[in-house]
Structure formats: structure tokens, C-alpha cells
Amino acid sequence: MKKVGIMGGTFNPIHFGHLFLAENAYEQLGLDKILFMPSKNPPHKQKPEEVTQKQRVDMLQLAIQDNPHFELSTLELDREGMTYTADTLTLLTSQNLDTQYYFIVGADSLLYMQDWKDPQRIFDHCIVVAACRDQVDKKQLYQQAELLEKTFHANITMIEMPVIQIASRVIRERLEKKQSVRYHIPDAVNEYIMKNGLYQSIPEDNK
């Protein structure tokens, strides 16, 4: 079986925290590649984006272009209507019977996965990979993994990685304030943001 990781998210913008997590998962689990899969607006957030879908994809492509085992997937962007992780994984596994998918999430996301839409289908179609970070209570994390395994027969594996305190929201705020985001995002992404004047003025209710 091929072993393919999936990194989902809005990537608004993509940053070194995303890339570091993906690289750690690739190395620690012996994956064949990582799919970076940008999502549409989350179903609970219907306000217009500050950047376009194409611009998010452009920045993502710039960020991963020099890594041969990172690959862009626009599967969720290309589908009509709302997109949910359960539907995406069902589609992927039905089309690629020779592939085992590893869905990569941060520790915080694992704590709430039972509240996602149709969690049973998510766990039926992938191995969930959670990043075990220093700032997260490991006992709580392993208890949650055990709960999901018992409730949904989930297959969950943990990977270790150091804390990287970078968040897309913070990057957007720094850019709005004309502060440096060097070492937060790849230089090519920073240059794209500057060239296109992105994140220069963010509506208060979109932060």
C-alpha cells in the first residue's frame, strides 16, 4: 500500500509551522508523499475571504515547490458546495484502493474530532496522525485518542515535534501592522504577499 499524508487547512497564509509538521510526519511515518489540500471557507464561516482562493493556492505552491514529496491537491476547492473531511476521504479511498491515507492534525484538533461532521466515516477511511506538542497535556491527548479508538474504532498515531508558535492569524495581524513576518513564512510567500498587497487591511470581524 502507498502511504500518503494529507495536510488540510485554509493556509491563509501557509507558514513554517504547517511545513514543519508535514515534514515531521513524512519522516517519522515513512510516508511516500504529503498532499497539501487547501479547503474552502469553513462551513461555519460565510464571510468573504480577505484573499482569493487562487492567491491561497499560489502561496501554497510557492511554499512547497522545492520539496519533491510535497504535492498540491485542489480536490476540495474543485468540488461544488460545502466540503467536509468525511466526504473527501471517502472519495479518495474509493478512487485509490492501493493507498492508505494519513490525515494529519494538530493536537488541538484531535481533542474535538468527535464533533466534526460524520466522524465515523473519517476514522473508517484514514489513520489520524496527531502532533504531540510540548504545550499540550499529553495525558489528556492520549486519553482522547483512547476515547476515539473505543467509540469509533479509530486508528490514531502520535508524532513528536517541538513547539513552533506560529499561527496564520498572528501573521495576518503582523502584516496589517506592517511588522516583519520573516522566519514565519517562506521568503517566496512573503514576496508574493508584498507584491500583491495582501493582508494590508483586515476587517475587524474577520480576524
N, C-alpha and C. Protein backbone atom coordinates (compact mmCIF):
# COMPACT_ATOMS: atom_id res chain seq x y z
N MET A 1 0.83 -1.21 0.00
CA MET A 1 0.00 0.00 0.00
C MET A 1 0.87 1.26 0.00
N LYS A 2 0.48 2.22 -0.82
CA LYS A 2 1.13 3.52 -0.74
C LYS A 2 0.70 4.21 0.55
N LYS A 3 1.57 5.02 1.09
CA LYS A 3 1.28 5.74 2.33
C LYS A 3 1.33 7.23 2.04
N VAL A 4 0.15 7.85 2.02
CA VAL A 4 0.03 9.26 1.63
C VAL A 4 -0.56 10.08 2.76
N GLY A 5 0.14 11.13 3.15
CA GLY A 5 -0.35 12.04 4.17
C GLY A 5 -1.21 13.14 3.57
N ILE A 6 -2.14 13.65 4.37
CA ILE A 6 -2.99 14.77 3.95
C ILE A 6 -2.87 15.88 4.97
N MET A 7 -2.49 17.05 4.51
CA MET A 7 -2.48 18.27 5.33
C MET A 7 -3.58 19.18 4.81
N GLY A 8 -4.64 19.33 5.58
CA GLY A 8 -5.72 20.21 5.16
C GLY A 8 -5.68 21.53 5.92
N GLY A 9 -6.42 22.50 5.42
CA GLY A 9 -6.49 23.80 6.09
C GLY A 9 -6.74 24.90 5.10
N THR A 10 -7.04 26.08 5.62
CA THR A 10 -7.24 27.22 4.70
C THR A 10 -5.91 27.75 4.19
N PHE A 11 -4.82 27.56 4.96
CA PHE A 11 -3.49 28.06 4.56
C PHE A 11 -3.59 29.53 4.17
N ASN A 12 -3.98 30.34 5.14
CA ASN A 12 -4.29 31.74 4.88
C ASN A 12 -3.51 32.68 5.81
N PRO A 13 -2.15 32.76 5.62
CA PRO A 13 -1.35 32.07 4.62
C PRO A 13 -0.68 30.82 5.20
N ILE A 14 -0.10 30.00 4.31
CA ILE A 14 0.71 28.88 4.74
C ILE A 14 1.95 29.41 5.46
N HIS A 15 2.43 28.68 6.48
CA HIS A 15 3.61 29.14 7.22
C HIS A 15 4.51 27.96 7.58
N PHE A 16 5.64 28.26 8.22
CA PHE A 16 6.62 27.22 8.51
C PHE A 16 6.09 26.18 9.50
N GLY A 17 5.12 26.53 10.32
CA GLY A 17 4.53 25.55 11.22
C GLY A 17 3.86 24.43 10.45
N HIS A 18 3.10 24.79 9.39
CA HIS A 18 2.48 23.78 8.54
C HIS A 18 3.54 22.88 7.89
N LEU A 19 4.57 23.51 7.35
CA LEU A 19 5.60 22.77 6.61
C LEU A 19 6.40 21.86 7.55
N PHE A 20 6.68 22.35 8.75
CA PHE A 20 7.45 21.57 9.71
C PHE A 20 6.66 20.35 10.17
N LEU A 21 5.37 20.52 10.41
CA LEU A 21 4.52 19.41 10.81
C LEU A 21 4.46 18.36 9.71
N ALA A 22 4.28 18.79 8.47
CA ALA A 22 4.21 17.86 7.35
C ALA A 22 5.51 17.10 7.18
N GLU A 23 6.63 17.78 7.29
CA GLU A 23 7.93 17.13 7.11
C GLU A 23 8.20 16.11 8.22
N ASN A 24 7.79 16.45 9.46
CA ASN A 24 7.95 15.52 10.57
C ASN A 24 7.11 14.27 10.37
N ALA A 25 5.88 14.45 9.91
CA ALA A 25 5.01 13.30 9.65
C ALA A 25 5.59 12.43 8.54
N TYR A 26 6.06 13.06 7.49
CA TYR A 26 6.66 12.33 6.36
C TYR A 26 7.82 11.47 6.83
N GLU A 27 8.67 12.05 7.64
CA GLU A 27 9.88 11.35 8.08
C GLU A 27 9.58 10.28 9.12
N GLN A 28 8.79 10.63 10.15
CA GLN A 28 8.55 9.70 11.25
C GLN A 28 7.69 8.50 10.84
N LEU A 29 6.80 8.68 9.86
CA LEU A 29 5.89 7.60 9.47
C LEU A 29 6.29 6.93 8.17
N GLY A 30 7.36 7.39 7.54
CA GLY A 30 7.82 6.79 6.30
C GLY A 30 6.81 6.92 5.18
N LEU A 31 6.21 8.10 5.04
CA LEU A 31 5.19 8.32 4.02
C LEU A 31 5.83 8.47 2.64
N ASP A 32 5.04 8.19 1.61
CA ASP A 32 5.53 8.37 0.24
C ASP A 32 5.44 9.82 -0.20
N LYS A 33 4.41 10.51 0.27
CA LYS A 33 4.27 11.93 -0.05
C LYS A 33 3.23 12.54 0.86
N ILE A 34 3.18 13.87 0.84
CA ILE A 34 2.17 14.63 1.59
C ILE A 34 1.36 15.46 0.60
N LEU A 35 0.03 15.32 0.68
CA LEU A 35 -0.85 16.19 -0.11
C LEU A 35 -1.25 17.40 0.73
N PHE A 36 -0.97 18.58 0.23
CA PHE A 36 -1.46 19.81 0.87
C PHE A 36 -2.78 20.15 0.19
N MET A 37 -3.85 20.14 0.98
CA MET A 37 -5.19 20.24 0.43
C MET A 37 -5.91 21.47 1.00
N PRO A 38 -5.80 22.61 0.32
CA PRO A 38 -6.49 23.81 0.82
C PRO A 38 -8.00 23.63 0.78
N SER A 39 -8.66 24.12 1.82
CA SER A 39 -10.10 23.99 1.93
C SER A 39 -10.78 25.29 1.51
N LYS A 40 -12.08 25.18 1.27
CA LYS A 40 -12.88 26.38 1.09
C LYS A 40 -13.09 27.01 2.45
N ASN A 41 -13.85 28.09 2.49
CA ASN A 41 -14.18 28.66 3.79
C ASN A 41 -14.82 27.60 4.67
N PRO A 42 -14.49 27.52 5.96
CA PRO A 42 -15.16 26.56 6.83
C PRO A 42 -16.67 26.77 6.77
N PRO A 43 -17.45 25.69 6.88
CA PRO A 43 -18.92 25.80 6.77
C PRO A 43 -19.53 26.81 7.73
N HIS A 44 -18.88 27.04 8.88
CA HIS A 44 -19.45 27.95 9.88
C HIS A 44 -19.03 29.40 9.64
N LYS A 45 -18.21 29.64 8.60
CA LYS A 45 -17.72 31.00 8.35
C LYS A 45 -18.05 31.39 6.92
N GLN A 46 -19.08 32.19 6.75
CA GLN A 46 -19.58 32.51 5.43
C GLN A 46 -19.15 33.90 4.95
N LYS A 47 -18.31 34.57 5.74
CA LYS A 47 -17.89 35.92 5.33
C LYS A 47 -16.86 35.85 4.21
N PRO A 48 -16.78 36.87 3.37
CA PRO A 48 -15.84 36.85 2.26
C PRO A 48 -14.40 36.73 2.75
N GLU A 49 -13.60 36.05 1.98
CA GLU A 49 -12.18 35.90 2.32
C GLU A 49 -11.45 37.22 2.08
N GLU A 50 -10.39 37.43 2.83
CA GLU A 50 -9.54 38.59 2.61
C GLU A 50 -8.67 38.39 1.37
N VAL A 51 -8.32 37.15 1.08
CA VAL A 51 -7.57 36.85 -0.14
C VAL A 51 -8.40 35.87 -0.96
N THR A 52 -8.12 35.80 -2.25
CA THR A 52 -8.88 34.91 -3.12
C THR A 52 -8.40 33.46 -2.97
N GLN A 53 -9.23 32.57 -3.44
CA GLN A 53 -8.87 31.16 -3.45
C GLN A 53 -7.59 30.95 -4.25
N LYS A 54 -7.49 31.59 -5.41
CA LYS A 54 -6.30 31.45 -6.26
C LYS A 54 -5.05 31.94 -5.55
N GLN A 55 -5.17 33.03 -4.80
CA GLN A 55 -4.00 33.56 -4.10
C GLN A 55 -3.51 32.61 -3.01
N ARG A 56 -4.44 31.96 -2.31
CA ARG A 56 -4.04 30.98 -1.30
C ARG A 56 -3.32 29.80 -1.96
N VAL A 57 -3.83 29.37 -3.12
CA VAL A 57 -3.19 28.28 -3.86
C VAL A 57 -1.82 28.71 -4.36
N ASP A 58 -1.71 29.93 -4.88
CA ASP A 58 -0.42 30.44 -5.35
C ASP A 58 0.62 30.42 -4.24
N MET A 59 0.24 30.89 -3.05
CA MET A 59 1.18 30.93 -1.93
C MET A 59 1.58 29.53 -1.50
N LEU A 60 0.63 28.62 -1.53
CA LEU A 60 0.92 27.24 -1.16
C LEU A 60 1.89 26.61 -2.15
N GLN A 61 1.67 26.84 -3.43
CA GLN A 61 2.58 26.30 -4.45
C GLN A 61 4.00 26.85 -4.28
N LEU A 62 4.10 28.12 -3.97
CA LEU A 62 5.41 28.72 -3.75
C LEU A 62 6.12 28.10 -2.54
N ALA A 63 5.34 27.79 -1.51
CA ALA A 63 5.91 27.27 -0.27
C ALA A 63 6.43 25.85 -0.42
N ILE A 64 5.79 25.05 -1.28
CA ILE A 64 6.17 23.62 -1.36
C ILE A 64 6.94 23.27 -2.63
N GLN A 65 7.23 24.25 -3.47
CA GLN A 65 7.79 23.97 -4.78
C GLN A 65 9.16 23.29 -4.75
N ASP A 66 9.92 23.49 -3.68
CA ASP A 66 11.27 22.91 -3.64
C ASP A 66 11.33 21.60 -2.85
N ASN A 67 10.17 21.04 -2.50
CA ASN A 67 10.14 19.78 -1.75
C ASN A 67 9.50 18.70 -2.63
N PRO A 68 10.27 17.71 -3.08
CA PRO A 68 9.75 16.72 -4.03
C PRO A 68 8.66 15.81 -3.47
N HIS A 69 8.55 15.69 -2.14
CA HIS A 69 7.50 14.83 -1.59
C HIS A 69 6.31 15.62 -1.03
N PHE A 70 6.25 16.91 -1.34
CA PHE A 70 5.08 17.72 -1.06
C PHE A 70 4.33 17.97 -2.37
N GLU A 71 3.00 17.87 -2.32
CA GLU A 71 2.21 18.00 -3.54
C GLU A 71 0.91 18.74 -3.24
N LEU A 72 0.50 19.59 -4.17
CA LEU A 72 -0.75 20.33 -4.03
C LEU A 72 -1.92 19.48 -4.52
N SER A 73 -3.02 19.49 -3.77
CA SER A 73 -4.27 18.87 -4.21
C SER A 73 -5.38 19.90 -4.08
N THR A 74 -6.09 20.14 -5.17
CA THR A 74 -7.21 21.10 -5.15
C THR A 74 -8.55 20.36 -5.11
N LEU A 75 -8.54 19.14 -4.63
CA LEU A 75 -9.74 18.32 -4.60
C LEU A 75 -10.91 19.02 -3.92
N GLU A 76 -10.67 19.60 -2.74
CA GLU A 76 -11.77 20.23 -2.02
C GLU A 76 -12.20 21.54 -2.67
N LEU A 77 -11.27 22.26 -3.25
CA LEU A 77 -11.62 23.52 -3.91
C LEU A 77 -12.42 23.28 -5.18
N ASP A 78 -12.18 22.16 -5.84
CA ASP A 78 -12.82 21.90 -7.13
C ASP A 78 -14.23 21.35 -6.99
N ARG A 79 -14.59 20.86 -5.81
CA ARG A 79 -15.92 20.28 -5.63
C ARG A 79 -16.95 21.38 -5.40
N GLU A 80 -18.18 21.12 -5.81
CA GLU A 80 -19.27 22.08 -5.64
C GLU A 80 -19.80 22.02 -4.21
N GLY A 81 -20.31 23.16 -3.74
CA GLY A 81 -20.95 23.21 -2.43
C GLY A 81 -19.97 23.08 -1.28
N MET A 82 -20.51 22.77 -0.09
CA MET A 82 -19.69 22.60 1.09
C MET A 82 -18.83 21.35 0.97
N THR A 83 -17.65 21.42 1.51
CA THR A 83 -16.78 20.25 1.50
C THR A 83 -16.47 19.85 2.94
N TYR A 84 -16.55 18.56 3.19
CA TYR A 84 -16.29 18.02 4.52
C TYR A 84 -15.23 16.94 4.43
N THR A 85 -14.44 16.83 5.50
CA THR A 85 -13.34 15.86 5.53
C THR A 85 -13.84 14.45 5.27
N ALA A 86 -14.99 14.08 5.84
CA ALA A 86 -15.53 12.73 5.66
C ALA A 86 -15.79 12.44 4.18
N ASP A 87 -16.34 13.41 3.46
CA ASP A 87 -16.62 13.21 2.03
C ASP A 87 -15.33 13.10 1.23
N THR A 88 -14.35 13.94 1.57
CA THR A 88 -13.07 13.93 0.87
C THR A 88 -12.38 12.59 1.02
N LEU A 89 -12.32 12.08 2.24
CA LEU A 89 -11.65 10.81 2.49
C LEU A 89 -12.39 9.64 1.83
N THR A 90 -13.71 9.68 1.84
CA THR A 90 -14.50 8.64 1.17
C THR A 90 -14.19 8.61 -0.31
N LEU A 91 -14.14 9.78 -0.92
CA LEU A 91 -13.84 9.88 -2.36
C LEU A 91 -12.43 9.39 -2.67
N LEU A 92 -11.46 9.83 -1.89
CA LEU A 92 -10.07 9.44 -2.14
C LEU A 92 -9.87 7.94 -2.03
N THR A 93 -10.41 7.35 -0.98
CA THR A 93 -10.19 5.92 -0.77
C THR A 93 -10.92 5.07 -1.82
N SER A 94 -12.05 5.55 -2.31
CA SER A 94 -12.77 4.80 -3.35
C SER A 94 -12.04 4.86 -4.68
N GLN A 95 -11.31 5.94 -4.92
CA GLN A 95 -10.59 6.11 -6.19
C GLN A 95 -9.18 5.54 -6.15
N ASN A 96 -8.64 5.33 -4.96
CA ASN A 96 -7.24 4.88 -4.83
C ASN A 96 -7.18 3.71 -3.85
N LEU A 97 -7.56 2.54 -4.33
CA LEU A 97 -7.66 1.37 -3.46
C LEU A 97 -6.29 0.87 -2.99
N ASP A 98 -5.23 1.34 -3.64
CA ASP A 98 -3.88 0.91 -3.28
C ASP A 98 -3.19 1.86 -2.30
N THR A 99 -3.96 2.79 -1.72
CA THR A 99 -3.36 3.84 -0.88
C THR A 99 -3.97 3.86 0.51
N GLN A 100 -3.09 3.95 1.50
CA GLN A 100 -3.51 4.20 2.89
C GLN A 100 -3.28 5.67 3.17
N TYR A 101 -4.34 6.36 3.58
CA TYR A 101 -4.23 7.80 3.84
C TYR A 101 -4.01 8.08 5.33
N TYR A 102 -3.16 9.05 5.58
CA TYR A 102 -2.82 9.50 6.93
C TYR A 102 -3.26 10.96 7.04
N PHE A 103 -4.29 11.20 7.82
CA PHE A 103 -4.84 12.55 7.95
C PHE A 103 -4.15 13.24 9.12
N ILE A 104 -3.40 14.29 8.84
CA ILE A 104 -2.53 14.94 9.82
C ILE A 104 -3.24 16.12 10.47
N VAL A 105 -3.30 16.11 11.80
CA VAL A 105 -3.95 17.19 12.53
C VAL A 105 -3.07 17.63 13.70
N GLY A 106 -3.30 18.84 14.16
CA GLY A 106 -2.66 19.30 15.37
C GLY A 106 -3.34 18.69 16.58
N ALA A 107 -2.65 18.72 17.70
CA ALA A 107 -3.20 18.12 18.92
C ALA A 107 -4.55 18.74 19.29
N ASP A 108 -4.69 20.04 19.12
CA ASP A 108 -5.94 20.72 19.46
C ASP A 108 -7.12 20.17 18.66
N SER A 109 -6.88 19.87 17.39
CA SER A 109 -7.95 19.35 16.54
C SER A 109 -8.39 17.97 17.00
N LEU A 110 -7.44 17.14 17.42
CA LEU A 110 -7.78 15.79 17.86
C LEU A 110 -8.76 15.83 19.03
N LEU A 111 -8.63 16.83 19.88
CA LEU A 111 -9.47 16.91 21.08
C LEU A 111 -10.95 17.14 20.75
N TYR A 112 -11.22 17.56 19.50
CA TYR A 112 -12.61 17.87 19.14
C TYR A 112 -13.10 17.11 17.91
N MET A 113 -12.38 16.10 17.48
CA MET A 113 -12.74 15.42 16.23
C MET A 113 -14.08 14.71 16.31
N GLN A 114 -14.51 14.35 17.49
CA GLN A 114 -15.81 13.69 17.61
C GLN A 114 -16.96 14.65 17.25
N ASP A 115 -16.66 15.96 17.22
CA ASP A 115 -17.69 16.95 16.89
C ASP A 115 -17.70 17.29 15.40
N TRP A 116 -16.75 16.75 14.63
CA TRP A 116 -16.73 17.01 13.20
C TRP A 116 -17.91 16.30 12.52
N LYS A 117 -18.23 16.70 11.31
CA LYS A 117 -19.34 16.07 10.59
C LYS A 117 -18.98 14.61 10.25
N ASP A 118 -19.84 13.72 10.66
CA ASP A 118 -19.71 12.29 10.35
C ASP A 118 -18.33 11.75 10.73
N PRO A 119 -17.95 11.83 11.99
CA PRO A 119 -16.62 11.37 12.41
C PRO A 119 -16.36 9.90 12.13
N GLN A 120 -17.40 9.07 12.17
CA GLN A 120 -17.19 7.64 11.93
C GLN A 120 -16.59 7.40 10.55
N ARG A 121 -17.11 8.11 9.54
CA ARG A 121 -16.57 7.93 8.18
C ARG A 121 -15.13 8.41 8.08
N ILE A 122 -14.79 9.46 8.83
CA ILE A 122 -13.41 9.94 8.84
C ILE A 122 -12.49 8.83 9.33
N PHE A 123 -12.82 8.26 10.48
CA PHE A 123 -11.96 7.25 11.08
C PHE A 123 -11.97 5.94 10.28
N ASP A 124 -13.06 5.68 9.54
CA ASP A 124 -13.11 4.47 8.73
C ASP A 124 -12.17 4.52 7.53
N HIS A 125 -11.83 5.73 7.10
CA HIS A 125 -11.10 5.87 5.83
C HIS A 125 -9.68 6.40 5.97
N CYS A 126 -9.18 6.52 7.17
CA CYS A 126 -7.81 7.01 7.31
C CYS A 126 -7.22 6.64 8.66
N ILE A 127 -5.91 6.78 8.74
CA ILE A 127 -5.22 6.79 10.02
C ILE A 127 -5.04 8.25 10.40
N VAL A 128 -5.44 8.61 11.59
CA VAL A 128 -5.30 10.00 12.04
C VAL A 128 -3.93 10.17 12.70
N VAL A 129 -3.22 11.17 12.28
CA VAL A 129 -1.89 11.48 12.82
C VAL A 129 -1.99 12.77 13.61
N ALA A 130 -1.68 12.71 14.89
CA ALA A 130 -1.76 13.89 15.74
C ALA A 130 -0.37 14.31 16.17
N ALA A 131 -0.12 15.60 16.10
CA ALA A 131 1.17 16.14 16.52
C ALA A 131 1.17 16.36 18.02
N CYS A 132 2.05 15.66 18.70
CA CYS A 132 2.13 15.76 20.16
C CYS A 132 3.10 16.87 20.52
N ARG A 133 2.56 18.05 20.81
CA ARG A 133 3.39 19.22 21.08
C ARG A 133 3.57 19.43 22.57
N ASP A 134 4.65 20.11 22.92
CA ASP A 134 5.02 20.28 24.32
C ASP A 134 3.97 21.02 25.13
N GLN A 135 3.24 21.97 24.48
CA GLN A 135 2.31 22.79 25.25
C GLN A 135 0.98 22.11 25.50
N VAL A 136 0.77 20.95 24.90
CA VAL A 136 -0.48 20.21 25.08
C VAL A 136 -0.30 19.14 26.15
N ASP A 137 -1.27 19.01 27.02
CA ASP A 137 -1.24 18.00 28.07
C ASP A 137 -1.26 16.61 27.41
N LYS A 138 -0.14 15.91 27.49
CA LYS A 138 -0.04 14.62 26.80
C LYS A 138 -1.00 13.59 27.38
N LYS A 139 -1.22 13.65 28.69
CA LYS A 139 -2.15 12.71 29.31
C LYS A 139 -3.54 12.91 28.72
N GLN A 140 -3.97 14.18 28.59
CA GLN A 140 -5.28 14.48 28.02
C GLN A 140 -5.36 14.00 26.56
N LEU A 141 -4.26 14.19 25.83
CA LEU A 141 -4.23 13.82 24.43
C LEU A 141 -4.37 12.31 24.26
N TYR A 142 -3.65 11.55 25.06
CA TYR A 142 -3.72 10.09 24.95
C TYR A 142 -5.06 9.56 25.45
N GLN A 143 -5.66 10.23 26.42
CA GLN A 143 -6.99 9.85 26.87
C GLN A 143 -8.01 10.07 25.76
N GLN A 144 -7.87 11.19 25.04
CA GLN A 144 -8.78 11.47 23.93
C GLN A 144 -8.60 10.44 22.82
N ALA A 145 -7.35 10.09 22.52
CA ALA A 145 -7.09 9.08 21.50
C ALA A 145 -7.74 7.75 21.88
N GLU A 146 -7.64 7.39 23.15
CA GLU A 146 -8.24 6.15 23.63
C GLU A 146 -9.76 6.19 23.50
N LEU A 147 -10.34 7.35 23.82
CA LEU A 147 -11.79 7.51 23.70
C LEU A 147 -12.24 7.34 22.25
N LEU A 148 -11.52 7.97 21.32
CA LEU A 148 -11.87 7.86 19.90
C LEU A 148 -11.69 6.44 19.38
N GLU A 149 -10.67 5.77 19.87
CA GLU A 149 -10.44 4.38 19.46
C GLU A 149 -11.58 3.48 19.93
N LYS A 150 -12.05 3.71 21.16
CA LYS A 150 -13.13 2.88 21.70
C LYS A 150 -14.47 3.22 21.06
N THR A 151 -14.71 4.51 20.85
CA THR A 151 -16.01 4.95 20.33
C THR A 151 -16.18 4.70 18.84
N PHE A 152 -15.12 4.99 18.07
CA PHE A 152 -15.21 4.93 16.61
C PHE A 152 -14.30 3.87 15.99
N HIS A 153 -13.61 3.10 16.82
CA HIS A 153 -12.60 2.15 16.31
C HIS A 153 -11.56 2.89 15.47
N ALA A 154 -11.21 4.07 15.92
CA ALA A 154 -10.26 4.91 15.20
C ALA A 154 -8.85 4.35 15.30
N ASN A 155 -8.08 4.59 14.26
CA ASN A 155 -6.65 4.25 14.25
C ASN A 155 -5.88 5.56 14.35
N ILE A 156 -5.29 5.82 15.51
CA ILE A 156 -4.63 7.10 15.77
C ILE A 156 -3.17 6.85 16.12
N THR A 157 -2.30 7.62 15.52
CA THR A 157 -0.88 7.55 15.84
C THR A 157 -0.37 8.94 16.18
N MET A 158 0.59 9.00 17.07
CA MET A 158 1.15 10.28 17.52
C MET A 158 2.55 10.48 16.93
N ILE A 159 2.86 11.70 16.61
CA ILE A 159 4.23 12.04 16.23
C ILE A 159 4.72 13.15 17.15
N GLU A 160 6.01 13.10 17.45
CA GLU A 160 6.60 14.10 18.33
C GLU A 160 7.14 15.25 17.50
N MET A 161 6.93 16.45 17.98
CA MET A 161 7.55 17.62 17.34
C MET A 161 7.63 18.76 18.34
N PRO A 162 8.69 19.58 18.24
CA PRO A 162 8.83 20.69 19.16
C PRO A 162 7.79 21.77 18.90
N VAL A 163 7.65 22.66 19.86
CA VAL A 163 6.69 23.76 19.73
C VAL A 163 7.19 24.79 18.72
N ILE A 164 6.31 25.14 17.80
CA ILE A 164 6.58 26.26 16.88
C ILE A 164 5.39 27.19 17.00
N GLN A 165 5.59 28.31 17.66
CA GLN A 165 4.48 29.22 17.95
C GLN A 165 4.25 30.16 16.77
N ILE A 166 3.67 29.59 15.71
CA ILE A 166 3.32 30.37 14.53
C ILE A 166 1.87 30.08 14.19
N ALA A 167 1.13 31.12 13.91
CA ALA A 167 -0.27 30.95 13.54
C ALA A 167 -0.61 31.91 12.40
N SER A 168 -1.45 31.44 11.48
CA SER A 168 -1.83 32.29 10.34
C SER A 168 -2.48 33.59 10.81
N ARG A 169 -3.30 33.50 11.86
CA ARG A 169 -3.96 34.71 12.38
C ARG A 169 -2.94 35.74 12.84
N VAL A 170 -1.91 35.29 13.52
CA VAL A 170 -0.87 36.21 14.01
C VAL A 170 -0.11 36.82 12.84
N ILE A 171 0.15 36.01 11.83
CA ILE A 171 0.85 36.52 10.64
C ILE A 171 0.02 37.61 9.97
N ARG A 172 -1.28 37.38 9.83
CA ARG A 172 -2.14 38.40 9.22
C ARG A 172 -2.13 39.69 10.03
N GLU A 173 -2.16 39.55 11.34
CA GLU A 173 -2.15 40.73 12.21
C GLU A 173 -0.84 41.49 12.09
N ARG A 174 0.27 40.76 12.03
CA ARG A 174 1.58 41.41 11.89
C ARG A 174 1.69 42.15 10.55
N LEU A 175 1.17 41.53 9.51
CA LEU A 175 1.22 42.17 8.20
C LEU A 175 0.38 43.44 8.17
N GLU A 176 -0.78 43.39 8.82
CA GLU A 176 -1.63 44.57 8.88
C GLU A 176 -0.93 45.73 9.60
N LYS A 177 -0.12 45.36 10.60
CA LYS A 177 0.60 46.37 11.37
C LYS A 177 1.94 46.73 10.76
N LYS A 178 2.22 46.18 9.55
CA LYS A 178 3.48 46.43 8.84
C LYS A 178 4.68 45.90 9.63
N GLN A 179 4.47 44.82 10.37
CA GLN A 179 5.56 44.19 11.11
C GLN A 179 6.15 43.04 10.30
N SER A 180 7.39 42.69 10.59
CA SER A 180 8.09 41.65 9.84
C SER A 180 7.48 40.27 10.12
N VAL A 181 7.40 39.46 9.06
CA VAL A 181 7.00 38.05 9.20
C VAL A 181 8.12 37.15 8.68
N ARG A 182 9.31 37.70 8.65
CA ARG A 182 10.46 36.89 8.26
C ARG A 182 10.64 35.76 9.27
N TYR A 183 10.96 34.59 8.79
CA TYR A 183 11.10 33.37 9.61
C TYR A 183 9.75 32.82 10.09
N HIS A 184 8.66 33.46 9.69
CA HIS A 184 7.33 32.90 9.93
C HIS A 184 6.85 32.15 8.68
N ILE A 185 7.17 32.71 7.52
CA ILE A 185 6.73 32.15 6.24
C ILE A 185 7.91 32.12 5.28
N PRO A 186 7.86 31.25 4.26
CA PRO A 186 8.94 31.22 3.27
C PRO A 186 9.10 32.57 2.58
N ASP A 187 10.32 32.88 2.19
CA ASP A 187 10.60 34.16 1.55
C ASP A 187 9.75 34.36 0.29
N ALA A 188 9.57 33.29 -0.48
CA ALA A 188 8.79 33.41 -1.73
C ALA A 188 7.34 33.78 -1.43
N VAL A 189 6.80 33.27 -0.33
CA VAL A 189 5.43 33.61 0.07
C VAL A 189 5.37 35.06 0.52
N ASN A 190 6.36 35.49 1.28
CA ASN A 190 6.42 36.88 1.75
C ASN A 190 6.48 37.84 0.56
N GLU A 191 7.30 37.50 -0.43
CA GLU A 191 7.43 38.35 -1.61
C GLU A 191 6.10 38.42 -2.37
N TYR A 192 5.40 37.30 -2.45
CA TYR A 192 4.10 37.28 -3.12
C TYR A 192 3.10 38.17 -2.38
N ILE A 193 3.10 38.09 -1.07
CA ILE A 193 2.19 38.90 -0.26
C ILE A 193 2.47 40.39 -0.47
N MET A 194 3.75 40.75 -0.44
CA MET A 194 4.12 42.16 -0.62
C MET A 194 3.76 42.64 -2.03
N LYS A 195 4.03 41.81 -3.03
CA LYS A 195 3.76 42.19 -4.41
C LYS A 195 2.29 42.42 -4.66
N ASN A 196 1.44 41.60 -4.00
CA ASN A 196 0.01 41.68 -4.24
C ASN A 196 -0.75 42.47 -3.17
N GLY A 197 -0.02 43.02 -2.21
CA GLY A 197 -0.64 43.86 -1.18
C GLY A 197 -1.65 43.13 -0.33
N LEU A 198 -1.37 41.87 0.00
CA LEU A 198 -2.33 41.06 0.77
C LEU A 198 -2.24 41.36 2.26
N TYR A 199 -3.35 41.19 2.95
CA TYR A 199 -3.45 41.32 4.40
C TYR A 199 -3.09 42.72 4.91
N GLN A 200 -3.24 43.71 4.07
CA GLN A 200 -2.87 45.05 4.49
C GLN A 200 -3.95 45.72 5.33
N SER A 201 -5.19 45.31 5.13
CA SER A 201 -6.29 45.87 5.90
C SER A 201 -7.32 44.78 6.10
N ILE A 202 -7.44 44.32 7.33
CA ILE A 202 -8.35 43.22 7.65
C ILE A 202 -9.54 43.73 8.44
N PRO A 203 -10.77 43.50 7.94
CA PRO A 203 -11.94 43.91 8.71
C PRO A 203 -11.92 43.33 10.10
N GLU A 204 -12.32 44.09 11.08
CA GLU A 204 -12.24 43.67 12.49
C GLU A 204 -12.95 42.35 12.74
N ASP A 205 -14.11 42.13 12.10
CA ASP A 205 -14.86 40.90 12.37
C ASP A 205 -14.33 39.69 11.59
N ASN A 206 -13.27 39.88 10.80
CA ASN A 206 -12.68 38.76 10.08
C ASN A 206 -11.39 38.26 10.73
N LYS A 207 -10.99 38.88 11.84
CA LYS A 207 -9.74 38.49 12.48
C LYS A 207 -9.91 37.22 13.28
